[in-house]
Amino acid sequence: MGKKGKKEKKGRGAEKTAAKMEKKVSKRSRKEEEDLEALIAHFQTLDARKTQIVETPCSPPSPRLNASLSAHPEKDELILFGGEYFNGQKTFLYNELYIYNIRKDSWSKVDIPNPPPRRCAHQAVVVPQGGGQLWVFGGEFASPDGEQFYHYRDLWVLHLATKTWEQVKATGGPSGRSGHRMVAWKRQLLLFGGFHESTRDYVYYNDVYAFDLDTFTWSKLCPSGVGPSPRSGCQMSVTPQGSVVIYGGYSKQRIKKDVDKGTPHCDMFLLKSEEGREGSWAWSRINPSGVKPTPRSGFSVAVAPNHQTLLFGGVCDEEEEERLEGDFFNDLYFFDATRNRWFAGQLKGPKTEKRRRRRGRRAGPDGAGEQEQACGGAGAPAPLEVVTEVAAEDGTVVTIKQMLCAPHVAGQPQPEDEDSPEEASSPVVEPSPRSNAMLAVKHGVLYVYGGMFEAGDRQVTLSDLYCLDLHKMEEWKALVEMDPETQEWLEETDSDEDSDQAEGAEGGEEEEEEEEEDSAEDGSSEDG
């Protein structure tokens, strides 16, 4: 009894400390938020020029991280909203809306009147009602130099059937924040954690809010038990039993003047609604078995088939007072809430050489399959390589390399060493290690878009798109590729740069929009 009392007292003490810090942050950041509010209002004036819905076919979106990627509940589409991009001097923030058509493998940009202001590190949740709705809460905006931050506390809904944005004004909701997490639970949105940062201070949260999708009202939940410490960027997912899991996340604390220490969390908690007591919730700590993810922040999360939670990528920082280096990941982990177990996602590799040969027989030139089967014996002619492209059902073009010994084959053969079939196959395709990427799952296929990694002092922001069939777990496919070497990187300058924010604001060419957005946007924390 005494032990439990101590725990609860400790939890209340942490809440008081967080409340004091929030008050301190709020006071110091009020002035800078007023400055940024004027800038945000300016951009909203530019957005107000959009008076009708315009959907335009386009090339894939520009590089970004800390955006949201959501699967349409009824159509074979993915919805990309917001995000940020840093070029070495400035960070661009976006409020663009892109639609990726999975079957056609095509992108379109949708301009809708009165969209939410530009932001990153927000949360977006799709619900099926009304033909599909995309709910967006919070996120952050920053000054051009990245020194001042504005954290949103607004709530928006995109009606997917009519392609219209609506701001939902409801009192009693969470304070302004980014890096929080939000899930759909029955007829509610549940929100946990996040952080708020000003020029000199910051505060992390571990509060829980519920938004009722029927009454459009917020309520703050006060679960019993000891829950997670304040954090952002954690995993939040709903279990098949109807509980909510919180895993990991990131927080930092000041250890001395102007020196902060970041902590990637590895603990896991269950938030459970108490039966027979509406609105009553309880925290409990859980210790899953299996192969757990290594410590990291900036990982991305999606719900895989069978209600398993999928965790991808992230970064583990090695921090010293004057230096910060990170190891970036591209690995997969699954959490099975039913078995309370983690396991690593292992790929089986591409189909066997035998099956590849069968496909080659169907798709290749006349007689190629039979000739291929005759290869490989002692004294056989030196094999030749033929590259065949086969269109899959989803429109993806799969390149198949065949080793043929026939002297007369179509295409331009190239000599190859007489080695094993494995060495003759294509190189392994997979997303590069990264943090803060966007994930979505549709029809059991995982899609990974964008994110970032660091190369020395340079931050590389990605615009590639990969997919992985989670039922087969065979191999990644690259749907959109990019060469990081081609990305412009500008060295930091000491002079302040002014830019004409009004140019290119009407939403025509993306390059023009980026110039307009250039001046308004910078700096989001890695733990978003």
Protein backbone atom coordinates (compact mmCIF):
# COMPACT_ATOMS: atom_id res chain seq x y z
CA MET A 1 0.00 0.00 0.00
CA GLY A 2 2.78 2.40 0.97
CA LYS A 3 4.69 1.57 -2.19
CA LYS A 4 1.70 2.33 -4.38
CA GLY A 5 1.13 5.60 -2.52
CA LYS A 6 4.74 6.63 -3.19
CA LYS A 7 4.35 5.91 -6.88
CA GLU A 8 1.20 7.98 -7.14
CA LYS A 9 2.83 10.82 -5.19
CA LYS A 10 5.83 10.72 -7.51
CA GLY A 11 3.48 10.86 -10.51
CA ARG A 12 1.67 13.90 -9.07
CA GLY A 13 5.03 15.60 -8.45
CA ALA A 14 6.02 15.10 -12.08
CA GLU A 15 2.68 16.58 -13.17
CA LYS A 16 3.27 19.67 -11.00
CA THR A 17 6.76 20.13 -12.45
CA ALA A 18 5.39 19.83 -15.98
CA ALA A 19 2.65 22.35 -15.17
CA LYS A 20 5.20 24.86 -13.83
CA MET A 21 7.39 24.41 -16.88
CA GLU A 22 4.42 24.85 -19.20
CA LYS A 23 3.54 28.12 -17.47
CA LYS A 24 7.13 29.31 -17.85
CA VAL A 25 7.22 28.31 -21.52
CA SER A 26 3.86 29.95 -22.15
CA LYS A 27 4.98 33.28 -20.72
CA ARG A 28 8.28 33.43 -22.60
CA SER A 29 6.84 32.26 -25.88
CA ARG A 30 3.81 34.58 -25.95
CA LYS A 31 5.68 37.39 -27.69
CA GLU A 32 7.32 35.21 -30.32
CA GLU A 33 4.03 33.44 -31.01
CA GLU A 34 2.42 36.82 -31.65
CA ASP A 35 5.11 37.52 -34.25
CA LEU A 36 4.55 34.17 -35.91
CA GLU A 37 0.78 34.52 -35.83
CA ALA A 38 1.16 37.57 -38.07
CA LEU A 39 3.24 35.54 -40.51
CA ILE A 40 0.74 32.66 -40.44
CA ALA A 41 -2.09 35.14 -41.08
CA HIS A 42 -0.17 36.44 -44.10
CA PHE A 43 0.06 32.95 -45.57
CA GLN A 44 -3.60 32.31 -44.89
CA THR A 45 -4.37 35.46 -46.88
CA LEU A 46 -2.42 33.96 -49.76
CA ASP A 47 -4.27 30.65 -49.39
CA ALA A 48 -7.57 32.55 -49.45
CA ARG A 49 -6.93 33.25 -53.13
CA LYS A 50 -7.93 29.66 -53.79
CA THR A 51 -11.65 29.81 -54.47
CA GLN A 52 -12.32 26.45 -56.08
CA ILE A 53 -11.18 22.85 -55.86
CA VAL A 54 -8.51 22.10 -58.44
CA GLU A 55 -7.02 18.63 -58.85
CA THR A 56 -3.93 18.56 -61.07
CA PRO A 57 -1.89 15.53 -62.18
CA CYS A 58 1.69 16.09 -61.09
CA SER A 59 5.08 14.53 -60.53
CA PRO A 60 5.80 13.06 -57.07
CA PRO A 61 5.93 15.59 -54.19
CA SER A 62 9.16 17.33 -53.29
CA PRO A 63 11.36 15.92 -50.49
CA ARG A 64 9.88 16.20 -46.99
CA LEU A 65 9.67 14.72 -43.52
CA ASN A 66 7.26 15.02 -40.58
CA ALA A 67 4.29 15.05 -42.95
CA SER A 68 1.33 12.66 -42.68
CA LEU A 69 0.55 9.81 -45.07
CA SER A 70 -2.88 8.22 -44.71
CA ALA A 71 -4.73 5.45 -46.54
CA HIS A 72 -8.14 6.44 -47.95
CA PRO A 73 -10.78 4.27 -46.21
CA GLU A 74 -12.75 3.57 -49.42
CA LYS A 75 -10.46 4.22 -52.42
CA ASP A 76 -7.09 2.85 -53.47
CA GLU A 77 -5.42 6.13 -52.58
CA LEU A 78 -2.86 7.53 -50.17
CA ILE A 79 -3.20 11.09 -48.84
CA LEU A 80 -0.07 13.15 -48.12
CA PHE A 81 -0.43 16.39 -46.17
CA GLY A 82 2.03 18.99 -44.85
CA GLY A 83 5.62 18.38 -43.83
CA GLU A 84 8.93 20.23 -43.93
CA TYR A 85 12.19 20.45 -45.86
CA PHE A 86 15.50 21.97 -44.78
CA ASN A 87 18.03 23.05 -47.44
CA GLY A 88 20.87 24.06 -45.11
CA GLN A 89 19.70 27.64 -44.62
CA LYS A 90 15.93 27.56 -44.36
CA THR A 91 13.16 25.09 -43.76
CA PHE A 92 10.12 25.06 -46.00
CA LEU A 93 6.81 24.12 -44.39
CA TYR A 94 3.89 22.85 -46.44
CA ASN A 95 0.11 22.63 -46.31
CA GLU A 96 -0.15 20.98 -49.70
CA LEU A 97 -2.43 18.01 -50.22
CA TYR A 98 -1.32 15.22 -52.55
CA ILE A 99 -3.17 12.08 -53.60
CA TYR A 100 -1.31 8.96 -54.74
CA ASN A 101 -3.40 6.57 -56.84
CA ILE A 102 -2.09 3.11 -56.03
CA ARG A 103 -3.52 1.30 -59.05
CA LYS A 104 -2.46 3.92 -61.58
CA ASP A 105 0.85 4.67 -59.82
CA SER A 106 0.16 8.38 -60.32
CA TRP A 107 0.16 11.56 -58.22
CA SER A 108 -2.21 14.52 -58.20
CA LYS A 109 -2.09 17.77 -56.26
CA VAL A 110 -5.40 18.96 -54.82
CA ASP A 111 -5.85 22.67 -54.14
CA ILE A 112 -8.76 23.25 -51.78
CA PRO A 113 -10.00 26.64 -50.54
CA ASN A 114 -9.28 27.56 -46.91
CA PRO A 115 -6.82 24.80 -46.00
CA PRO A 116 -5.13 24.50 -42.59
CA PRO A 117 -2.03 26.70 -42.21
CA ARG A 118 1.37 25.24 -43.11
CA ARG A 119 2.70 22.77 -40.57
CA CYS A 120 4.77 19.71 -39.77
CA ALA A 121 4.88 17.17 -36.92
CA HIS A 122 1.07 17.18 -36.75
CA GLN A 123 -1.12 14.10 -36.50
CA ALA A 124 -3.66 12.88 -39.05
CA VAL A 125 -6.24 10.13 -38.51
CA VAL A 126 -8.66 8.71 -41.08
CA VAL A 127 -12.16 7.55 -40.12
CA PRO A 128 -14.66 5.95 -42.53
CA GLN A 129 -17.76 7.99 -41.70
CA GLY A 130 -19.30 10.37 -44.25
CA GLY A 131 -17.42 8.89 -47.19
CA GLY A 132 -14.16 9.19 -45.31
CA GLN A 133 -12.72 11.94 -43.13
CA LEU A 134 -9.12 12.97 -42.43
CA TRP A 135 -8.78 14.59 -38.99
CA VAL A 136 -5.70 16.75 -38.34
CA PHE A 137 -4.60 18.17 -34.99
CA GLY A 138 -1.71 20.41 -33.97
CA GLY A 139 1.80 20.52 -35.37
CA GLU A 140 4.25 23.37 -35.62
CA PHE A 141 5.29 26.39 -37.68
CA ALA A 142 8.54 28.29 -37.35
CA SER A 143 10.24 31.56 -38.21
CA PRO A 144 12.42 31.72 -41.34
CA ASP A 145 15.59 31.38 -39.27
CA GLY A 146 14.25 28.48 -37.24
CA GLU A 147 14.69 30.32 -33.95
CA GLN A 148 11.02 30.80 -33.08
CA PHE A 149 8.27 28.21 -32.98
CA TYR A 150 4.51 28.32 -33.08
CA HIS A 151 2.66 25.20 -31.94
CA TYR A 152 -0.88 24.75 -33.19
CA ARG A 153 -3.80 23.56 -31.11
CA ASP A 154 -6.34 23.65 -33.93
CA LEU A 155 -8.46 20.75 -35.18
CA TRP A 156 -9.36 20.28 -38.85
CA VAL A 157 -11.30 17.73 -40.85
CA LEU A 158 -10.92 17.04 -44.56
CA HIS A 159 -14.16 15.64 -45.97
CA LEU A 160 -12.79 13.23 -48.55
CA ALA A 161 -16.07 12.77 -50.43
CA THR A 162 -16.46 16.49 -51.16
CA LYS A 163 -12.78 17.48 -50.88
CA THR A 164 -13.50 20.31 -48.46
CA TRP A 165 -11.58 21.45 -45.37
CA GLU A 166 -13.44 22.42 -42.19
CA GLN A 167 -11.97 23.82 -39.00
CA VAL A 168 -13.73 22.35 -35.98
CA LYS A 169 -13.72 24.74 -33.04
CA ALA A 170 -14.20 22.99 -29.73
CA THR A 171 -13.12 24.21 -26.30
CA GLY A 172 -11.22 22.26 -23.66
CA GLY A 173 -8.79 20.57 -26.04
CA PRO A 174 -5.05 19.98 -25.69
CA SER A 175 -2.61 22.88 -25.53
CA GLY A 176 -0.55 23.77 -28.60
CA ARG A 177 1.98 21.03 -29.38
CA SER A 178 3.73 18.92 -31.97
CA GLY A 179 5.16 15.41 -31.94
CA HIS A 180 2.02 14.14 -30.19
CA ARG A 181 0.21 10.97 -31.27
CA MET A 182 -3.45 10.41 -32.10
CA VAL A 183 -5.55 7.33 -32.92
CA ALA A 184 -9.19 6.56 -33.69
CA TRP A 185 -10.84 4.61 -30.88
CA LYS A 186 -14.49 3.67 -31.41
CA ARG A 187 -16.23 7.03 -32.04
CA GLN A 188 -13.45 9.09 -30.54
CA LEU A 189 -10.01 10.43 -31.31
CA LEU A 190 -7.53 9.77 -28.50
CA LEU A 191 -4.47 12.02 -28.24
CA PHE A 192 -1.33 11.54 -26.13
CA GLY A 193 1.87 13.46 -25.37
CA GLY A 194 3.90 15.77 -27.58
CA PHE A 195 6.02 18.81 -26.81
CA HIS A 196 6.00 22.61 -26.90
CA GLU A 197 9.16 24.57 -27.56
CA SER A 198 10.04 28.26 -27.40
CA THR A 199 13.36 30.00 -27.99
CA ARG A 200 14.69 29.23 -24.50
CA ASP A 201 12.46 26.57 -22.99
CA TYR A 202 10.53 23.45 -23.81
CA VAL A 203 8.07 21.12 -22.16
CA TYR A 204 7.05 17.54 -22.91
CA TYR A 205 3.58 16.16 -22.20
CA ASN A 206 2.07 12.87 -21.07
CA ASP A 207 -1.57 13.99 -20.90
CA VAL A 208 -4.43 12.19 -22.66
CA TYR A 209 -7.41 13.80 -24.41
CA ALA A 210 -10.46 12.38 -26.15
CA PHE A 211 -12.43 14.07 -28.93
CA ASP A 212 -15.97 12.78 -29.45
CA LEU A 213 -16.76 12.46 -33.17
CA ASP A 214 -20.52 12.62 -32.50
CA THR A 215 -20.73 15.61 -30.16
CA PHE A 216 -17.55 17.40 -31.37
CA THR A 217 -16.37 17.91 -27.79
CA TRP A 218 -12.98 17.49 -26.08
CA SER A 219 -12.50 15.89 -22.68
CA LYS A 220 -9.30 15.38 -20.71
CA LEU A 221 -8.85 11.83 -19.45
CA CYS A 222 -7.38 11.19 -16.02
CA PRO A 223 -6.34 7.53 -16.07
CA SER A 224 -5.52 5.79 -12.81
CA GLY A 225 -2.17 4.09 -12.31
CA VAL A 226 1.31 5.19 -13.31
CA GLY A 227 1.59 5.99 -17.01
CA PRO A 228 4.42 6.96 -19.36
CA SER A 229 6.69 9.87 -18.54
CA PRO A 230 6.28 12.98 -20.75
CA ARG A 231 7.46 12.35 -24.33
CA SER A 232 6.85 12.92 -28.01
CA GLY A 233 7.27 10.81 -31.13
CA CYS A 234 6.11 7.58 -29.49
CA GLN A 235 4.15 4.65 -30.88
CA MET A 236 0.42 4.85 -30.17
CA SER A 237 -1.83 2.11 -31.49
CA VAL A 238 -5.10 0.37 -30.70
CA THR A 239 -5.00 -3.34 -29.84
CA PRO A 240 -7.56 -5.89 -31.09
CA GLN A 241 -8.92 -5.98 -27.53
CA GLY A 242 -9.65 -2.23 -27.62
CA SER A 243 -6.81 -1.00 -25.42
CA VAL A 244 -4.21 1.57 -26.47
CA VAL A 245 -0.47 0.83 -26.50
CA ILE A 246 2.21 3.48 -25.96
CA TYR A 247 5.80 2.52 -26.75
CA GLY A 248 9.04 4.48 -26.75
CA GLY A 249 9.29 8.10 -27.78
CA TYR A 250 11.74 10.87 -27.07
CA SER A 251 12.25 13.63 -24.52
CA LYS A 252 15.09 15.87 -23.46
CA GLN A 253 16.03 17.66 -20.29
CA ARG A 254 18.41 20.48 -19.43
CA ILE A 255 21.43 19.20 -17.54
CA LYS A 256 23.14 22.59 -17.30
CA LYS A 257 22.90 26.01 -18.92
CA ASP A 258 22.46 25.64 -22.69
CA VAL A 259 23.15 21.90 -22.53
CA ASP A 260 20.32 19.42 -23.11
CA LYS A 261 20.37 15.66 -23.00
CA GLY A 262 17.97 13.65 -25.14
CA THR A 263 16.49 10.33 -24.05
CA PRO A 264 14.99 7.72 -26.38
CA HIS A 265 12.45 5.79 -24.30
CA CYS A 266 12.08 2.01 -24.52
CA ASP A 267 9.25 1.37 -22.08
CA MET A 268 5.73 0.26 -22.97
CA PHE A 269 2.33 0.96 -21.44
CA LEU A 270 -1.26 -0.11 -21.87
CA LEU A 271 -4.13 2.38 -21.58
CA LYS A 272 -7.34 0.49 -20.95
CA SER A 273 -10.93 1.62 -20.68
CA GLU A 274 -12.42 0.27 -17.46
CA GLU A 275 -15.50 -1.84 -18.06
CA GLY A 276 -18.76 -0.52 -16.75
CA ARG A 277 -17.26 2.88 -15.98
CA GLU A 278 -17.70 5.15 -18.96
CA GLY A 279 -14.86 7.63 -19.33
CA SER A 280 -12.67 5.82 -16.79
CA TRP A 281 -9.26 4.65 -17.94
CA ALA A 282 -6.28 2.96 -16.32
CA TRP A 283 -2.57 2.82 -17.12
CA SER A 284 -0.48 -0.31 -16.66
CA ARG A 285 3.08 -1.05 -17.67
CA ILE A 286 3.72 -4.09 -19.86
CA ASN A 287 6.90 -6.00 -20.65
CA PRO A 288 6.54 -7.77 -24.00
CA SER A 289 8.66 -10.76 -24.94
CA GLY A 290 10.44 -11.33 -28.24
CA VAL A 291 12.90 -9.26 -30.24
CA LYS A 292 12.38 -5.65 -29.21
CA PRO A 293 13.45 -2.62 -31.25
CA THR A 294 16.82 -1.17 -30.29
CA PRO A 295 16.68 2.28 -28.64
CA ARG A 296 15.82 5.02 -31.15
CA SER A 297 13.78 8.13 -31.84
CA GLY A 298 12.18 9.40 -35.04
CA PHE A 299 10.74 5.98 -35.92
CA SER A 300 7.52 5.68 -37.93
CA VAL A 301 4.48 3.55 -37.14
CA ALA A 302 1.59 1.98 -39.05
CA VAL A 303 -0.99 -0.72 -38.38
CA ALA A 304 -0.17 -3.94 -40.23
CA PRO A 305 -2.58 -6.79 -41.09
CA ASN A 306 -3.97 -8.74 -38.13
CA HIS A 307 -3.89 -5.56 -36.02
CA GLN A 308 -0.17 -5.82 -35.51
CA THR A 309 1.72 -2.55 -35.08
CA LEU A 310 4.61 -2.01 -37.45
CA LEU A 311 7.63 0.12 -36.53
CA PHE A 312 10.08 1.30 -39.19
CA GLY A 313 13.45 3.10 -39.14
CA GLY A 314 14.48 5.91 -36.83
CA VAL A 315 17.76 7.17 -35.44
CA CYS A 316 19.89 6.50 -32.37
CA ASP A 317 21.84 9.63 -31.45
CA GLU A 318 25.26 9.62 -29.88
CA GLU A 319 25.24 12.87 -27.93
CA GLU A 320 28.19 14.84 -26.61
CA GLU A 321 28.16 18.45 -25.45
CA GLU A 322 29.38 19.90 -28.74
CA ARG A 323 28.57 17.07 -31.10
CA LEU A 324 25.60 14.98 -32.17
CA GLU A 325 25.90 11.95 -34.42
CA GLY A 326 23.17 9.53 -35.36
CA ASP A 327 22.92 5.93 -36.54
CA PHE A 328 19.94 5.70 -38.88
CA PHE A 329 17.87 2.54 -39.38
CA ASN A 330 15.70 0.98 -42.08
CA ASP A 331 14.68 -2.13 -40.17
CA LEU A 332 11.16 -3.37 -39.40
CA TYR A 333 9.64 -4.57 -36.13
CA PHE A 334 6.14 -5.87 -35.44
CA PHE A 335 4.28 -5.80 -32.13
CA ASP A 336 1.62 -8.45 -31.68
CA ALA A 337 -0.64 -7.18 -28.90
CA THR A 338 -2.57 -10.46 -28.72
CA ARG A 339 0.61 -12.34 -27.80
CA ASN A 340 2.30 -9.33 -26.14
CA ARG A 341 5.36 -10.01 -28.24
CA TRP A 342 7.78 -8.12 -30.50
CA PHE A 343 9.40 -9.73 -33.49
CA ALA A 344 11.76 -8.47 -36.17
CA GLY A 345 10.46 -8.24 -39.72
CA GLN A 346 12.60 -10.59 -41.81
CA LEU A 347 12.28 -10.54 -45.59
CA LYS A 348 12.23 -13.89 -47.39
CA GLY A 349 14.00 -12.44 -50.41
CA PRO A 350 12.83 -12.48 -54.03
CA LYS A 351 11.18 -15.54 -55.52
CA THR A 352 13.41 -18.53 -56.18
CA GLU A 353 15.56 -18.73 -59.28
CA LYS A 354 13.31 -21.51 -60.56
CA ARG A 355 10.21 -19.31 -60.40
CA ARG A 356 12.10 -16.41 -61.95
CA ARG A 357 13.03 -18.69 -64.83
CA ARG A 358 9.40 -19.69 -65.29
CA ARG A 359 8.40 -16.02 -65.48
CA GLY A 360 11.26 -15.44 -67.91
CA ARG A 361 9.91 -18.20 -70.14
CA ARG A 362 6.53 -16.50 -70.33
CA ALA A 363 7.79 -12.96 -70.72
CA GLY A 364 11.03 -13.43 -72.60
CA PRO A 365 11.75 -13.97 -76.30
CA ASP A 366 10.71 -17.19 -78.06
CA GLY A 367 12.53 -20.22 -76.70
CA ALA A 368 14.36 -18.21 -74.04
CA GLY A 369 13.06 -20.32 -71.18
CA GLU A 370 14.11 -23.63 -72.69
CA GLN A 371 17.50 -22.25 -73.64
CA GLU A 372 17.97 -20.90 -70.12
CA GLN A 373 17.28 -24.34 -68.62
CA ALA A 374 19.97 -25.81 -70.84
CA CYS A 375 22.58 -23.46 -69.35
CA GLY A 376 24.93 -24.09 -66.52
CA GLY A 377 26.41 -27.49 -67.32
CA ALA A 378 30.12 -28.17 -67.66
CA GLY A 379 31.45 -26.95 -70.96
CA ALA A 380 28.34 -24.84 -71.61
CA PRO A 381 28.82 -21.58 -73.56
CA ALA A 382 29.45 -18.46 -71.50
CA PRO A 383 26.08 -17.15 -70.26
CA LEU A 384 24.63 -13.94 -71.60
CA GLU A 385 22.36 -11.50 -69.79
CA VAL A 386 18.97 -10.36 -71.09
CA VAL A 387 16.92 -7.77 -69.22
CA THR A 388 13.15 -8.13 -69.50
CA GLU A 389 10.56 -5.72 -68.11
CA VAL A 390 7.26 -7.17 -66.92
CA ALA A 391 4.27 -5.04 -65.88
CA ALA A 392 2.71 -6.26 -62.64
CA GLU A 393 -1.01 -6.02 -61.86
CA ASP A 394 -0.61 -2.75 -59.98
CA GLY A 395 1.19 -1.13 -62.90
CA THR A 396 4.64 -1.51 -61.36
CA VAL A 397 7.32 -2.45 -63.88
CA VAL A 398 9.48 -5.30 -62.60
CA THR A 399 12.90 -5.73 -64.19
CA ILE A 400 13.98 -9.37 -64.58
CA LYS A 401 17.55 -10.31 -65.44
CA GLN A 402 17.94 -13.66 -67.19
CA MET A 403 21.16 -15.57 -67.78
CA LEU A 404 20.91 -17.21 -71.22
CA CYS A 405 23.39 -19.40 -73.09
CA ALA A 406 21.69 -19.17 -76.49
CA PRO A 407 23.83 -17.39 -79.07
CA HIS A 408 20.84 -15.66 -80.70
CA VAL A 409 18.70 -13.65 -78.24
CA ALA A 410 16.87 -10.38 -78.47
CA GLY A 411 18.38 -7.28 -76.94
CA GLN A 412 22.03 -6.44 -76.39
CA PRO A 413 23.62 -9.22 -74.31
CA GLN A 414 26.50 -8.51 -71.96
CA PRO A 415 29.04 -11.08 -70.83
CA GLU A 416 28.75 -12.18 -67.24
CA ASP A 417 30.92 -14.32 -64.98
CA GLU A 418 29.85 -17.95 -64.67
CA ASP A 419 28.70 -17.65 -61.08
CA SER A 420 25.67 -18.65 -59.05
CA PRO A 421 22.17 -17.49 -60.08
CA GLU A 422 22.04 -15.30 -56.96
CA GLU A 423 24.96 -13.22 -58.18
CA ALA A 424 23.25 -12.79 -61.55
CA SER A 425 20.09 -11.37 -60.02
CA SER A 426 19.31 -7.69 -59.43
CA PRO A 427 20.80 -5.84 -56.46
CA VAL A 428 18.69 -5.74 -53.32
CA VAL A 429 16.12 -2.92 -53.36
CA GLU A 430 15.23 -1.32 -50.04
CA PRO A 431 14.64 2.12 -48.53
CA SER A 432 17.80 3.75 -47.23
CA PRO A 433 18.08 4.16 -43.44
CA ARG A 434 16.07 7.22 -42.32
CA SER A 435 14.06 8.89 -39.58
CA ASN A 436 10.73 10.73 -39.58
CA ALA A 437 9.45 8.98 -42.69
CA MET A 438 5.75 8.68 -43.55
CA LEU A 439 4.05 5.25 -43.46
CA ALA A 440 0.68 3.95 -44.60
CA VAL A 441 -0.77 0.46 -45.13
CA LYS A 442 -3.40 -0.31 -47.78
CA HIS A 443 -4.57 -3.81 -48.76
CA GLY A 444 -1.78 -5.32 -46.70
CA VAL A 445 0.93 -3.36 -48.52
CA LEU A 446 3.23 -1.02 -46.59
CA TYR A 447 4.18 2.28 -48.25
CA VAL A 448 7.16 4.34 -47.04
CA TYR A 449 7.59 7.91 -48.27
CA GLY A 450 10.36 10.41 -47.60
CA GLY A 451 12.04 11.12 -44.29
CA MET A 452 15.63 12.19 -43.72
CA PHE A 453 19.13 11.07 -42.84
CA GLU A 454 22.34 12.92 -42.08
CA ALA A 455 25.64 12.73 -43.94
CA GLY A 456 28.21 14.63 -41.85
CA ASP A 457 26.86 18.15 -41.36
CA ARG A 458 24.42 17.75 -44.21
CA GLN A 459 20.78 16.76 -43.80
CA VAL A 460 19.38 14.82 -46.74
CA THR A 461 15.58 14.99 -47.07
CA LEU A 462 14.04 12.23 -49.17
CA SER A 463 11.22 12.07 -51.71
CA ASP A 464 11.33 8.37 -52.58
CA LEU A 465 8.45 5.91 -52.28
CA TYR A 466 8.81 2.20 -51.52
CA CYS A 467 6.28 -0.54 -50.94
CA LEU A 468 6.39 -3.97 -49.29
CA ASP A 469 3.73 -6.69 -49.39
CA LEU A 470 3.31 -7.53 -45.69
CA HIS A 471 1.57 -10.84 -46.45
CA LYS A 472 4.41 -12.16 -48.60
CA MET A 473 7.31 -10.29 -46.90
CA GLU A 474 9.50 -11.03 -49.93
CA GLU A 475 11.10 -7.82 -51.14
CA TRP A 476 10.76 -4.04 -51.33
CA LYS A 477 9.74 -2.36 -54.57
CA ALA A 478 10.87 1.16 -55.48
CA LEU A 479 7.91 3.15 -56.87
CA VAL A 480 9.66 6.53 -56.80
CA GLU A 481 13.45 6.74 -56.63
CA MET A 482 15.75 9.67 -55.91
CA ASP A 483 19.48 10.26 -55.85
CA PRO A 484 20.42 12.06 -52.62
CA GLU A 485 23.56 13.36 -54.31
CA THR A 486 21.45 15.58 -56.56
CA GLN A 487 19.86 17.45 -53.64
CA GLU A 488 20.98 21.04 -53.22
CA TRP A 489 22.58 21.85 -49.87
CA LEU A 490 23.28 25.46 -48.93
CA GLU A 491 25.84 26.34 -46.30
CA GLU A 492 24.63 28.36 -43.34
CA THR A 493 25.05 32.13 -43.58
CA ASP A 494 25.23 34.68 -40.80
CA SER A 495 23.16 37.26 -42.67
CA ASP A 496 19.42 37.34 -42.46
CA GLU A 497 17.76 36.76 -45.80
CA ASP A 498 14.50 38.40 -46.72
CA SER A 499 12.27 36.91 -49.36
CA ASP A 500 9.20 38.02 -51.21
CA GLN A 501 6.54 35.89 -49.59
CA ALA A 502 3.75 36.84 -51.94
CA GLU A 503 5.28 35.52 -55.17
CA GLY A 504 4.07 32.21 -56.50
CA ALA A 505 1.34 31.95 -53.90
CA GLU A 506 -1.48 30.98 -56.18
CA GLY A 507 -0.53 27.34 -56.20
CA GLY A 508 0.73 26.93 -59.76
CA GLU A 509 4.18 25.44 -60.08
CA GLU A 510 5.59 23.77 -56.99
CA GLU A 511 8.90 25.60 -57.35
CA GLU A 512 7.07 28.91 -57.12
CA GLU A 513 5.22 27.73 -54.06
CA GLU A 514 8.46 26.72 -52.42
CA GLU A 515 9.84 30.21 -52.95
CA GLU A 516 6.75 31.65 -51.30
CA GLU A 517 6.97 29.16 -48.43
CA ASP A 518 10.73 29.58 -48.09
CA SER A 519 10.46 32.58 -45.84
CA ALA A 520 8.00 31.14 -43.38
CA GLU A 521 9.40 27.96 -42.39
CA ASP A 522 12.04 26.38 -40.34
CA GLY A 523 13.07 24.06 -37.68
CA SER A 524 11.18 21.15 -36.37
CA SER A 525 12.63 18.94 -33.71
CA GLU A 526 13.74 15.45 -34.68
CA ASP A 527 11.31 13.92 -32.25
CA GLY A 528 8.23 15.00 -34.16
